[in-house]
Structure formats: structure tokens, C-alpha cells
Amino acid sequence: MGLGCNWSSGSLEYVIALKNGKIAGADFETELPDEWTEICGKTEQLNLIYEEIYKDGPLRYEIEEFNDNGDCRIRYCR
């Protein structure tokens, strides 16, 4: 899983996490909102998914999930 947050005009923070287990030496905490919009699709069409997401402007938070079957799940909030 990946979490994008704290966007500014020149940077963003991106955190990689495991669904199960921990990444040694990597600690990050942030408050996340309760309401999210979700889009699911195929990883090979990620560019089209992001075109749809960003057509309405910048995001506050985004969570990406990918699996070995080529599926992806993107959750975001503005």
C-alpha cells in the first residue's frame, strides 16, 4: 500500500506500508479522514484512473493498493 499526503506546489510525502507486518525502522503516523472516494480498476490502466481522479483538482490524501492479479484500488479525498 502507498499513502500520498501533505501535497504542496513542489513536493508531497509518500509512505509505503505492508498490509500485514511491519517494515523495520519505518515509523509514520498521520490522522486520516473518515470519508474517502474509491476507484478500482486494472493497474495497466492506472494512467486513465489518475486522469479521472485529478480532473477535479488536487488531493489531500490518496491510498493506493495493488495486487498480483493486476488489480488496483485507489482511495482519495480532497
Protein backbone atom coordinates (compact mmCIF):
# COMPACT_ATOMS: atom_id res chain seq x y z
CA MET A 1 0.00 0.00 0.00
CA GLY A 2 1.10 3.55 -0.56
CA LEU A 3 -0.14 6.76 1.08
CA GLY A 4 0.40 10.13 -0.60
CA CYS A 5 -0.17 13.14 1.66
CA ASN A 6 0.93 16.68 2.52
CA TRP A 7 0.94 17.94 -1.05
CA SER A 8 2.44 21.35 -1.76
CA SER A 9 3.26 23.10 -5.01
CA GLY A 10 6.67 21.42 -5.13
CA SER A 11 6.50 18.24 -3.06
CA LEU A 12 4.49 15.52 -1.38
CA GLU A 13 5.07 12.85 1.21
CA TYR A 14 4.66 9.24 0.12
CA VAL A 15 4.65 6.39 2.62
CA ILE A 16 4.88 2.71 1.69
CA ALA A 17 3.26 0.18 4.01
CA LEU A 18 2.59 -3.52 4.13
CA LYS A 19 -0.97 -4.78 4.60
CA ASN A 20 0.41 -7.36 7.03
CA GLY A 21 3.55 -6.95 9.05
CA LYS A 22 5.97 -4.07 9.51
CA ILE A 23 8.84 -2.50 7.65
CA ALA A 24 11.75 -2.43 10.11
CA GLY A 25 12.83 1.06 11.15
CA ALA A 26 9.96 2.81 9.36
CA ASP A 27 7.53 4.68 11.59
CA PHE A 28 4.97 7.20 10.33
CA GLU A 29 1.76 8.39 11.92
CA THR A 30 -0.85 10.71 10.49
CA GLU A 31 -4.52 11.41 11.11
CA LEU A 32 -6.64 10.21 8.20
CA PRO A 33 -10.14 11.41 7.30
CA ASP A 34 -13.19 9.17 7.62
CA GLU A 35 -14.68 9.89 4.17
CA TRP A 36 -12.99 8.58 1.00
CA THR A 37 -13.82 8.21 -2.69
CA GLU A 38 -12.77 4.88 -4.18
CA ILE A 39 -11.96 3.78 -7.72
CA CYS A 40 -11.00 0.18 -8.58
CA GLY A 41 -9.54 -1.00 -11.86
CA LYS A 42 -6.61 -2.63 -13.59
CA THR A 43 -3.07 -1.48 -12.83
CA GLU A 44 -2.31 -1.39 -16.57
CA GLN A 45 -4.90 1.41 -16.87
CA LEU A 46 -3.54 3.43 -13.95
CA ASN A 47 -2.89 6.49 -16.12
CA LEU A 48 -6.60 6.61 -17.09
CA ILE A 49 -7.66 6.15 -13.47
CA TYR A 50 -5.50 9.07 -12.40
CA GLU A 51 -6.79 11.26 -15.23
CA GLU A 52 -10.28 10.68 -13.81
CA ILE A 53 -9.18 11.36 -10.23
CA TYR A 54 -7.23 14.56 -10.91
CA LYS A 55 -9.70 16.14 -13.36
CA ASP A 56 -11.45 17.73 -10.35
CA GLY A 57 -8.29 19.14 -8.80
CA PRO A 58 -5.64 18.33 -6.20
CA LEU A 59 -5.99 15.81 -3.39
CA ARG A 60 -5.41 15.93 0.34
CA TYR A 61 -4.78 12.19 0.71
CA GLU A 62 -4.52 9.16 -1.55
CA ILE A 63 -4.09 5.48 -0.74
CA GLU A 64 -3.00 3.06 -3.46
CA GLU A 65 -3.32 -0.71 -3.24
CA PHE A 66 -2.08 -3.18 -5.85
CA ASN A 67 -2.32 -6.96 -6.02
CA ASP A 68 -0.59 -9.69 -8.00
CA ASN A 69 -3.68 -10.18 -10.22
CA GLY A 70 -3.16 -6.78 -11.86
CA ASP A 71 -5.96 -5.07 -9.93
CA CYS A 72 -5.65 -1.76 -8.12
CA ARG A 73 -7.74 0.17 -5.64
CA ILE A 74 -7.25 3.91 -5.22
CA ARG A 75 -8.91 5.78 -2.36
CA TYR A 76 -8.65 9.53 -2.12
CA CYS A 77 -10.09 12.65 -0.54
CA ARG A 78 -9.87 16.31 -1.39
